[in-house]
Amino acid sequence: MTAIDVTGARTPEAADVITGARERIDALDDRIIGLIQERVAVSAVIQEARISSGGRRVNLSREMDVLGHYREALGKPGTALAMTLLELCRGKI
């Protein structure tokens, strides 16, 4: 299978551009996944401190702030992304 077949491009030049851009996206995805894993770990520290001090596991007003931040930066899809991120960071409730 050629680069053109794999990329859907119609010229070898476009296939090269697409292949390079996909490699960059894959590297970005790896970094994003690493950052999400780091955020999950930091969130666990916060939850542990909150619970051990007698607080609740989840702080809904903080979650609303996070949702607003993502919505302002990314629009409506940002809200869905933030909801997924918050779900990942909450752990098992």
PDB file of N, CA and C in Angstrom:
ATOM      1  N   MET A   1       0.856  -1.172   0.000  1.00  0.00           N
ATOM      2  CA  MET A   1       0.000   0.000   0.000  1.00  0.00           C
ATOM      3  C   MET A   1       0.905   1.239   0.000  1.00  0.00           C
ATOM      4  N   THR A   2       0.584   2.206  -0.828  1.00  0.00           N
ATOM      5  CA  THR A   2       1.419   3.409  -0.936  1.00  0.00           C
ATOM      6  C   THR A   2       0.942   4.482   0.029  1.00  0.00           C
ATOM      7  N   ALA A   3       1.792   5.516   0.190  1.00  0.00           N
ATOM      8  CA  ALA A   3       1.428   6.642   1.061  1.00  0.00           C
ATOM      9  C   ALA A   3       0.153   7.316   0.580  1.00  0.00           C
ATOM     10  N   ILE A   4      -0.028   7.341  -0.725  1.00  0.00           N
ATOM     11  CA  ILE A   4      -1.241   7.955  -1.271  1.00  0.00           C
ATOM     12  C   ILE A   4      -2.466   7.153  -0.849  1.00  0.00           C
ATOM     13  N   ASP A   5      -2.362   5.818  -0.916  1.00  0.00           N
ATOM     14  CA  ASP A   5      -3.480   4.969  -0.499  1.00  0.00           C
ATOM     15  C   ASP A   5      -3.813   5.166   0.981  1.00  0.00           C
ATOM     16  N   VAL A   6      -2.794   5.255   1.799  1.00  0.00           N
ATOM     17  CA  VAL A   6      -2.978   5.361   3.245  1.00  0.00           C
ATOM     18  C   VAL A   6      -3.536   6.720   3.651  1.00  0.00           C
ATOM     19  N   THR A   7      -3.114   7.775   2.965  1.00  0.00           N
ATOM     20  CA  THR A   7      -3.504   9.130   3.360  1.00  0.00           C
ATOM     21  C   THR A   7      -4.758   9.634   2.681  1.00  0.00           C
ATOM     22  N   GLY A   8      -5.103   9.041   1.539  1.00  0.00           N
ATOM     23  CA  GLY A   8      -6.240   9.541   0.776  1.00  0.00           C
ATOM     24  C   GLY A   8      -5.873  10.722  -0.104  1.00  0.00           C
ATOM     25  N   ALA A   9      -4.588  11.086  -0.119  1.00  0.00           N
ATOM     26  CA  ALA A   9      -4.133  12.196  -0.946  1.00  0.00           C
ATOM     27  C   ALA A   9      -4.145  11.788  -2.415  1.00  0.00           C
ATOM     28  N   ARG A  10      -4.109  12.781  -3.279  1.00  0.00           N
ATOM     29  CA  ARG A  10      -4.124  12.509  -4.717  1.00  0.00           C
ATOM     30  C   ARG A  10      -2.765  12.729  -5.374  1.00  0.00           C
ATOM     31  N   THR A  11      -1.814  13.262  -4.594  1.00  0.00           N
ATOM     32  CA  THR A  11      -0.460  13.448  -5.133  1.00  0.00           C
ATOM     33  C   THR A  11       0.557  12.993  -4.090  1.00  0.00           C
ATOM     34  N   PRO A  12       1.746  12.607  -4.537  1.00  0.00           N
ATOM     35  CA  PRO A  12       2.789  12.223  -3.583  1.00  0.00           C
ATOM     36  C   PRO A  12       3.167  13.374  -2.648  1.00  0.00           C
ATOM     37  N   GLU A  13       3.132  14.583  -3.152  1.00  0.00           N
ATOM     38  CA  GLU A  13       3.468  15.742  -2.312  1.00  0.00           C
ATOM     39  C   GLU A  13       2.471  15.903  -1.166  1.00  0.00           C
ATOM     40  N   ALA A  14       1.192  15.799  -1.498  1.00  0.00           N
ATOM     41  CA  ALA A  14       0.153  15.902  -0.465  1.00  0.00           C
ATOM     42  C   ALA A  14       0.266  14.741   0.516  1.00  0.00           C
ATOM     43  N   ALA A  15       0.578  13.567   0.019  1.00  0.00           N
ATOM     44  CA  ALA A  15       0.742  12.399   0.897  1.00  0.00           C
ATOM     45  C   ALA A  15       1.873  12.633   1.882  1.00  0.00           C
ATOM     46  N   ASP A  16       2.964  13.242   1.413  1.00  0.00           N
ATOM     47  CA  ASP A  16       4.085  13.547   2.305  1.00  0.00           C
ATOM     48  C   ASP A  16       3.677  14.538   3.391  1.00  0.00           C
ATOM     49  N   VAL A  17       2.927  15.569   2.991  1.00  0.00           N
ATOM     50  CA  VAL A  17       2.456  16.566   3.966  1.00  0.00           C
ATOM     51  C   VAL A  17       1.568  15.899   5.010  1.00  0.00           C
ATOM     52  N   ILE A  18       0.649  15.080   4.544  1.00  0.00           N
ATOM     53  CA  ILE A  18      -0.287  14.404   5.453  1.00  0.00           C
ATOM     54  C   ILE A  18       0.458  13.449   6.379  1.00  0.00           C
ATOM     55  N   THR A  19       1.382  12.694   5.838  1.00  0.00           N
ATOM     56  CA  THR A  19       2.149  11.758   6.658  1.00  0.00           C
ATOM     57  C   THR A  19       2.918  12.496   7.748  1.00  0.00           C
ATOM     58  N   GLY A  20       3.566  13.593   7.398  1.00  0.00           N
ATOM     59  CA  GLY A  20       4.307  14.382   8.384  1.00  0.00           C
ATOM     60  C   GLY A  20       3.391  14.983   9.438  1.00  0.00           C
ATOM     61  N   ALA A  21       2.251  15.492   8.992  1.00  0.00           N
ATOM     62  CA  ALA A  21       1.304  16.090   9.934  1.00  0.00           C
ATOM     63  C   ALA A  21       0.716  15.038  10.870  1.00  0.00           C
ATOM     64  N   ARG A  22       0.465  13.853  10.352  1.00  0.00           N
ATOM     65  CA  ARG A  22      -0.052  12.772  11.210  1.00  0.00           C
ATOM     66  C   ARG A  22       0.972  12.352  12.258  1.00  0.00           C
ATOM     67  N   GLU A  23       2.237  12.340  11.874  1.00  0.00           N
ATOM     68  CA  GLU A  23       3.289  12.035  12.852  1.00  0.00           C
ATOM     69  C   GLU A  23       3.294  13.078  13.956  1.00  0.00           C
ATOM     70  N   ARG A  24       3.119  14.332  13.587  1.00  0.00           N
ATOM     71  CA  ARG A  24       3.062  15.418  14.590  1.00  0.00           C
ATOM     72  C   ARG A  24       1.843  15.244  15.495  1.00  0.00           C
ATOM     73  N   ILE A  25       0.702  14.905  14.901  1.00  0.00           N
ATOM     74  CA  ILE A  25      -0.516  14.676  15.692  1.00  0.00           C
ATOM     75  C   ILE A  25      -0.311  13.515  16.657  1.00  0.00           C
ATOM     76  N   ASP A  26       0.314  12.436  16.197  1.00  0.00           N
ATOM     77  CA  ASP A  26       0.571  11.299  17.082  1.00  0.00           C
ATOM     78  C   ASP A  26       1.453  11.713  18.255  1.00  0.00           C
ATOM     79  N   ALA A  27       2.469  12.544  17.988  1.00  0.00           N
ATOM     80  CA  ALA A  27       3.337  13.028  19.068  1.00  0.00           C
ATOM     81  C   ALA A  27       2.562  13.929  20.019  1.00  0.00           C
ATOM     82  N   LEU A  28       1.703  14.784  19.479  1.00  0.00           N
ATOM     83  CA  LEU A  28       0.872  15.640  20.336  1.00  0.00           C
ATOM     84  C   LEU A  28      -0.075  14.803  21.185  1.00  0.00           C
ATOM     85  N   ASP A  29      -0.682  13.782  20.580  1.00  0.00           N
ATOM     86  CA  ASP A  29      -1.578  12.909  21.330  1.00  0.00           C
ATOM     87  C   ASP A  29      -0.848  12.233  22.490  1.00  0.00           C
ATOM     88  N   ASP A  30       0.371  11.794  22.249  1.00  0.00           N
ATOM     89  CA  ASP A  30       1.159  11.191  23.332  1.00  0.00           C
ATOM     90  C   ASP A  30       1.385  12.191  24.460  1.00  0.00           C
ATOM     91  N   ARG A  31       1.687  13.436  24.115  1.00  0.00           N
ATOM     92  CA  ARG A  31       1.883  14.467  25.144  1.00  0.00           C
ATOM     93  C   ARG A  31       0.584  14.764  25.886  1.00  0.00           C
ATOM     94  N   ILE A  32      -0.523  14.846  25.144  1.00  0.00           N
ATOM     95  CA  ILE A  32      -1.825  15.110  25.769  1.00  0.00           C
ATOM     96  C   ILE A  32      -2.177  13.990  26.744  1.00  0.00           C
ATOM     97  N   ILE A  33      -1.981  12.749  26.335  1.00  0.00           N
ATOM     98  CA  ILE A  33      -2.267  11.607  27.209  1.00  0.00           C
ATOM     99  C   ILE A  33      -1.406  11.689  28.463  1.00  0.00           C
ATOM    100  N   GLY A  34      -0.145  12.014  28.317  1.00  0.00           N
ATOM    101  CA  GLY A  34       0.737  12.165  29.476  1.00  0.00           C
ATOM    102  C   GLY A  34       0.265  13.258  30.411  1.00  0.00           C
ATOM    103  N   LEU A  35      -0.177  14.381  29.847  1.00  0.00           N
ATOM    104  CA  LEU A  35      -0.690  15.478  30.675  1.00  0.00           C
ATOM    105  C   LEU A  35      -1.976  15.087  31.391  1.00  0.00           C
ATOM    106  N   ILE A  36      -2.824  14.341  30.711  1.00  0.00           N
ATOM    107  CA  ILE A  36      -4.059  13.880  31.356  1.00  0.00           C
ATOM    108  C   ILE A  36      -3.727  12.930  32.505  1.00  0.00           C
ATOM    109  N   GLN A  37      -2.778  12.041  32.286  1.00  0.00           N
ATOM    110  CA  GLN A  37      -2.371  11.129  33.362  1.00  0.00           C
ATOM    111  C   GLN A  37      -1.800  11.918  34.540  1.00  0.00           C
ATOM    112  N   GLU A  38      -1.057  12.953  34.263  1.00  0.00           N
ATOM    113  CA  GLU A  38      -0.523  13.800  35.334  1.00  0.00           C
ATOM    114  C   GLU A  38      -1.655  14.520  36.058  1.00  0.00           C
ATOM    115  N   ARG A  39      -2.651  15.008  35.302  1.00  0.00           N
ATOM    116  CA  ARG A  39      -3.785  15.697  35.916  1.00  0.00           C
ATOM    117  C   ARG A  39      -4.572  14.752  36.811  1.00  0.00           C
ATOM    118  N   VAL A  40      -4.749  13.511  36.370  1.00  0.00           N
ATOM    119  CA  VAL A  40      -5.444  12.500  37.184  1.00  0.00           C
ATOM    120  C   VAL A  40      -4.704  12.301  38.504  1.00  0.00           C
ATOM    121  N   ALA A  41      -3.387  12.218  38.454  1.00  0.00           N
ATOM    122  CA  ALA A  41      -2.590  12.010  39.670  1.00  0.00           C
ATOM    123  C   ALA A  41      -2.704  13.207  40.613  1.00  0.00           C
ATOM    124  N   VAL A  42      -2.640  14.418  40.076  1.00  0.00           N
ATOM    125  CA  VAL A  42      -2.756  15.616  40.913  1.00  0.00           C
ATOM    126  C   VAL A  42      -4.151  15.702  41.510  1.00  0.00           C
ATOM    127  N   SER A  43      -5.162  15.359  40.722  1.00  0.00           N
ATOM    128  CA  SER A  43      -6.529  15.362  41.215  1.00  0.00           C
ATOM    129  C   SER A  43      -6.695  14.383  42.373  1.00  0.00           C
ATOM    130  N   ALA A  44      -6.048  13.232  42.285  1.00  0.00           N
ATOM    131  CA  ALA A  44      -6.119  12.243  43.365  1.00  0.00           C
ATOM    132  C   ALA A  44      -5.531  12.807  44.654  1.00  0.00           C
ATOM    133  N   VAL A  45      -4.454  13.573  44.550  1.00  0.00           N
ATOM    134  CA  VAL A  45      -3.851  14.210  45.732  1.00  0.00           C
ATOM    135  C   VAL A  45      -4.849  15.186  46.350  1.00  0.00           C
ATOM    136  N   ILE A  46      -5.497  15.977  45.511  1.00  0.00           N
ATOM    137  CA  ILE A  46      -6.484  16.945  45.998  1.00  0.00           C
ATOM    138  C   ILE A  46      -7.642  16.232  46.673  1.00  0.00           C
ATOM    139  N   GLN A  47      -8.150  15.181  46.045  1.00  0.00           N
ATOM    140  CA  GLN A  47      -9.277  14.444  46.615  1.00  0.00           C
ATOM    141  C   GLN A  47      -8.904  13.832  47.960  1.00  0.00           C
ATOM    142  N   GLU A  48      -7.714  13.259  48.039  1.00  0.00           N
ATOM    143  CA  GLU A  48      -7.264  12.653  49.299  1.00  0.00           C
ATOM    144  C   GLU A  48      -7.192  13.701  50.408  1.00  0.00           C
ATOM    145  N   ALA A  49      -6.648  14.860  50.087  1.00  0.00           N
ATOM    146  CA  ALA A  49      -6.548  15.931  51.096  1.00  0.00           C
ATOM    147  C   ALA A  49      -7.938  16.400  51.510  1.00  0.00           C
ATOM    148  N   ARG A  50      -8.834  16.527  50.545  1.00  0.00           N
ATOM    149  CA  ARG A  50     -10.183  16.994  50.856  1.00  0.00           C
ATOM    150  C   ARG A  50     -10.912  15.974  51.722  1.00  0.00           C
ATOM    151  N   ILE A  51     -10.833  14.694  51.353  1.00  0.00           N
ATOM    152  CA  ILE A  51     -11.533  13.640  52.093  1.00  0.00           C
ATOM    153  C   ILE A  51     -10.945  13.481  53.491  1.00  0.00           C
ATOM    154  N   SER A  52      -9.616  13.504  53.598  1.00  0.00           N
ATOM    155  CA  SER A  52      -8.992  13.311  54.909  1.00  0.00           C
ATOM    156  C   SER A  52      -9.270  14.478  55.849  1.00  0.00           C
ATOM    157  N   SER A  53      -9.654  15.633  55.296  1.00  0.00           N
ATOM    158  CA  SER A  53      -9.988  16.767  56.151  1.00  0.00           C
ATOM    159  C   SER A  53     -11.484  16.824  56.450  1.00  0.00           C
ATOM    160  N   GLY A  54     -12.212  15.786  56.012  1.00  0.00           N
ATOM    161  CA  GLY A  54     -13.646  15.726  56.280  1.00  0.00           C
ATOM    162  C   GLY A  54     -14.503  16.296  55.171  1.00  0.00           C
ATOM    163  N   GLY A  55     -13.884  16.682  54.062  1.00  0.00           N
ATOM    164  CA  GLY A  55     -14.637  17.238  52.944  1.00  0.00           C
ATOM    165  C   GLY A  55     -15.180  16.159  52.025  1.00  0.00           C
ATOM    166  N   ARG A  56     -15.862  16.618  51.002  1.00  0.00           N
ATOM    167  CA  ARG A  56     -16.432  15.702  50.014  1.00  0.00           C
ATOM    168  C   ARG A  56     -15.407  15.421  48.925  1.00  0.00           C
ATOM    169  N   ARG A  57     -15.561  14.311  48.274  1.00  0.00           N
ATOM    170  CA  ARG A  57     -14.636  13.905  47.208  1.00  0.00           C
ATOM    171  C   ARG A  57     -14.645  14.898  46.056  1.00  0.00           C
ATOM    172  N   VAL A  58     -15.827  15.388  45.687  1.00  0.00           N
ATOM    173  CA  VAL A  58     -15.982  16.265  44.531  1.00  0.00           C
ATOM    174  C   VAL A  58     -16.395  17.655  44.996  1.00  0.00           C
ATOM    175  N   ASN A  59     -15.786  18.675  44.400  1.00  0.00           N
ATOM    176  CA  ASN A  59     -16.143  20.062  44.670  1.00  0.00           C
ATOM    177  C   ASN A  59     -16.859  20.587  43.427  1.00  0.00           C
ATOM    178  N   LEU A  60     -18.189  20.623  43.489  1.00  0.00           N
ATOM    179  CA  LEU A  60     -18.979  20.956  42.307  1.00  0.00           C
ATOM    180  C   LEU A  60     -18.729  22.369  41.802  1.00  0.00           C
ATOM    181  N   SER A  61     -18.487  23.320  42.690  1.00  0.00           N
ATOM    182  CA  SER A  61     -18.227  24.681  42.211  1.00  0.00           C
ATOM    183  C   SER A  61     -16.910  24.738  41.435  1.00  0.00           C
ATOM    184  N   ARG A  62     -15.914  23.982  41.864  1.00  0.00           N
ATOM    185  CA  ARG A  62     -14.656  23.916  41.127  1.00  0.00           C
ATOM    186  C   ARG A  62     -14.875  23.260  39.768  1.00  0.00           C
ATOM    187  N   GLU A  63     -15.686  22.211  39.733  1.00  0.00           N
ATOM    188  CA  GLU A  63     -15.966  21.564  38.461  1.00  0.00           C
ATOM    189  C   GLU A  63     -16.675  22.515  37.500  1.00  0.00           C
ATOM    190  N   MET A  64     -17.560  23.338  38.011  1.00  0.00           N
ATOM    191  CA  MET A  64     -18.238  24.330  37.165  1.00  0.00           C
ATOM    192  C   MET A  64     -17.227  25.335  36.609  1.00  0.00           C
ATOM    193  N   ASP A  65     -16.249  25.724  37.428  1.00  0.00           N
ATOM    194  CA  ASP A  65     -15.189  26.621  36.945  1.00  0.00           C
ATOM    195  C   ASP A  65     -14.399  25.976  35.805  1.00  0.00           C
ATOM    196  N   VAL A  66     -14.069  24.704  35.967  1.00  0.00           N
ATOM    197  CA  VAL A  66     -13.321  23.982  34.929  1.00  0.00           C
ATOM    198  C   VAL A  66     -14.155  23.902  33.650  1.00  0.00           C
ATOM    199  N   LEU A  67     -15.429  23.568  33.774  1.00  0.00           N
ATOM    200  CA  LEU A  67     -16.312  23.500  32.606  1.00  0.00           C
ATOM    201  C   LEU A  67     -16.371  24.847  31.891  1.00  0.00           C
ATOM    202  N   GLY A  68     -16.506  25.917  32.650  1.00  0.00           N
ATOM    203  CA  GLY A  68     -16.552  27.254  32.063  1.00  0.00           C
ATOM    204  C   GLY A  68     -15.258  27.613  31.354  1.00  0.00           C
ATOM    205  N   HIS A  69     -14.147  27.254  31.951  1.00  0.00           N
ATOM    206  CA  HIS A  69     -12.841  27.539  31.362  1.00  0.00           C
ATOM    207  C   HIS A  69     -12.696  26.854  30.005  1.00  0.00           C
ATOM    208  N   TYR A  70     -13.038  25.588  29.938  1.00  0.00           N
ATOM    209  CA  TYR A  70     -12.944  24.846  28.682  1.00  0.00           C
ATOM    210  C   TYR A  70     -13.947  25.355  27.653  1.00  0.00           C
ATOM    211  N   ARG A  71     -15.152  25.694  28.094  1.00  0.00           N
ATOM    212  CA  ARG A  71     -16.175  26.218  27.184  1.00  0.00           C
ATOM    213  C   ARG A  71     -15.719  27.546  26.585  1.00  0.00           C
ATOM    214  N   GLU A  72     -15.146  28.425  27.414  1.00  0.00           N
ATOM    215  CA  GLU A  72     -14.672  29.718  26.915  1.00  0.00           C
ATOM    216  C   GLU A  72     -13.529  29.546  25.922  1.00  0.00           C
ATOM    217  N   ALA A  73     -12.652  28.589  26.180  1.00  0.00           N
ATOM    218  CA  ALA A  73     -11.491  28.393  25.323  1.00  0.00           C
ATOM    219  C   ALA A  73     -11.816  27.630  24.037  1.00  0.00           C
ATOM    220  N   LEU A  74     -12.762  26.676  24.109  1.00  0.00           N
ATOM    221  CA  LEU A  74     -12.971  25.760  22.993  1.00  0.00           C
ATOM    222  C   LEU A  74     -14.405  25.704  22.475  1.00  0.00           C
ATOM    223  N   GLY A  75     -15.296  26.480  23.065  1.00  0.00           N
ATOM    224  CA  GLY A  75     -16.690  26.447  22.639  1.00  0.00           C
ATOM    225  C   GLY A  75     -17.414  25.237  23.215  1.00  0.00           C
ATOM    226  N   LYS A  76     -18.571  24.949  22.645  1.00  0.00           N
ATOM    227  CA  LYS A  76     -19.410  23.862  23.158  1.00  0.00           C
ATOM    228  C   LYS A  76     -18.674  22.526  23.237  1.00  0.00           C
ATOM    229  N   PRO A  77     -17.859  22.150  22.233  1.00  0.00           N
ATOM    230  CA  PRO A  77     -17.126  20.882  22.365  1.00  0.00           C
ATOM    231  C   PRO A  77     -16.170  20.875  23.563  1.00  0.00           C
ATOM    232  N   GLY A  78     -15.724  22.059  23.980  1.00  0.00           N
ATOM    233  CA  GLY A  78     -14.858  22.148  25.148  1.00  0.00           C
ATOM    234  C   GLY A  78     -15.556  21.674  26.408  1.00  0.00           C
ATOM    235  N   THR A  79     -16.855  21.927  26.487  1.00  0.00           N
ATOM    236  CA  THR A  79     -17.627  21.471  27.641  1.00  0.00           C
ATOM    237  C   THR A  79     -17.635  19.946  27.700  1.00  0.00           C
ATOM    238  N   ALA A  80     -17.857  19.316  26.566  1.00  0.00           N
ATOM    239  CA  ALA A  80     -17.858  17.847  26.523  1.00  0.00           C
ATOM    240  C   ALA A  80     -16.475  17.297  26.872  1.00  0.00           C
ATOM    241  N   LEU A  81     -15.445  17.953  26.364  1.00  0.00           N
ATOM    242  CA  LEU A  81     -14.084  17.523  26.685  1.00  0.00           C
ATOM    243  C   LEU A  81     -13.821  17.657  28.179  1.00  0.00           C
ATOM    244  N   ALA A  82     -14.227  18.771  28.767  1.00  0.00           N
ATOM    245  CA  ALA A  82     -14.031  18.985  30.201  1.00  0.00           C
ATOM    246  C   ALA A  82     -14.804  17.953  31.025  1.00  0.00           C
ATOM    247  N   MET A  83     -16.012  17.616  30.593  1.00  0.00           N
ATOM    248  CA  MET A  83     -16.796  16.607  31.315  1.00  0.00           C
ATOM    249  C   MET A  83     -16.065  15.269  31.314  1.00  0.00           C
ATOM    250  N   THR A  84     -15.504  14.901  30.184  1.00  0.00           N
ATOM    251  CA  THR A  84     -14.745  13.652  30.095  1.00  0.00           C
ATOM    252  C   THR A  84     -13.513  13.717  30.980  1.00  0.00           C
ATOM    253  N   LEU A  85     -12.821  14.831  30.945  1.00  0.00           N
ATOM    254  CA  LEU A  85     -11.631  15.009  31.770  1.00  0.00           C
ATOM    255  C   LEU A  85     -11.980  14.932  33.252  1.00  0.00           C
ATOM    256  N   LEU A  86     -13.052  15.587  33.655  1.00  0.00           N
ATOM    257  CA  LEU A  86     -13.471  15.536  35.055  1.00  0.00           C
ATOM    258  C   LEU A  86     -13.847  14.112  35.459  1.00  0.00           C
ATOM    259  N   GLU A  87     -14.509  13.397  34.572  1.00  0.00           N
ATOM    260  CA  GLU A  87     -14.865  12.006  34.866  1.00  0.00           C
ATOM    261  C   GLU A  87     -13.620  11.159  35.067  1.00  0.00           C
ATOM    262  N   LEU A  88     -12.622  11.355  34.226  1.00  0.00           N
ATOM    263  CA  LEU A  88     -11.368  10.623  34.385  1.00  0.00           C
ATOM    264  C   LEU A  88     -10.688  10.953  35.714  1.00  0.00           C
ATOM    265  N   CYS A  89     -10.746  12.212  36.103  1.00  0.00           N
ATOM    266  CA  CYS A  89     -10.030  12.658  37.287  1.00  0.00           C
ATOM    267  C   CYS A  89     -10.758  12.354  38.594  1.00  0.00           C
ATOM    268  N   ARG A  90     -12.037  12.135  38.532  1.00  0.00           N
ATOM    269  CA  ARG A  90     -12.782  11.833  39.756  1.00  0.00           C
ATOM    270  C   ARG A  90     -12.410  10.470  40.311  1.00  0.00           C
ATOM    271  N   GLY A  91     -12.059   9.562  39.445  1.00  0.00           N
ATOM    272  CA  GLY A  91     -11.843   8.194  39.894  1.00  0.00           C
ATOM    273  C   GLY A  91     -13.175   7.530  40.177  1.00  0.00           C
ATOM    274  N   LYS A  92     -13.130   6.443  40.883  1.00  0.00           N
ATOM    275  CA  LYS A  92     -14.368   5.724  41.216  1.00  0.00           C
ATOM    276  C   LYS A  92     -15.048   6.408  42.373  1.00  0.00           C
ATOM    277  N   ILE A  93     -16.300   6.793  42.157  1.00  0.00           N
ATOM    278  CA  ILE A  93     -17.075   7.454  43.213  1.00  0.00           C
ATOM    279  C   ILE A  93     -17.999   6.449  43.856  1.00  0.00           C
TER     280      ILE A  93
END
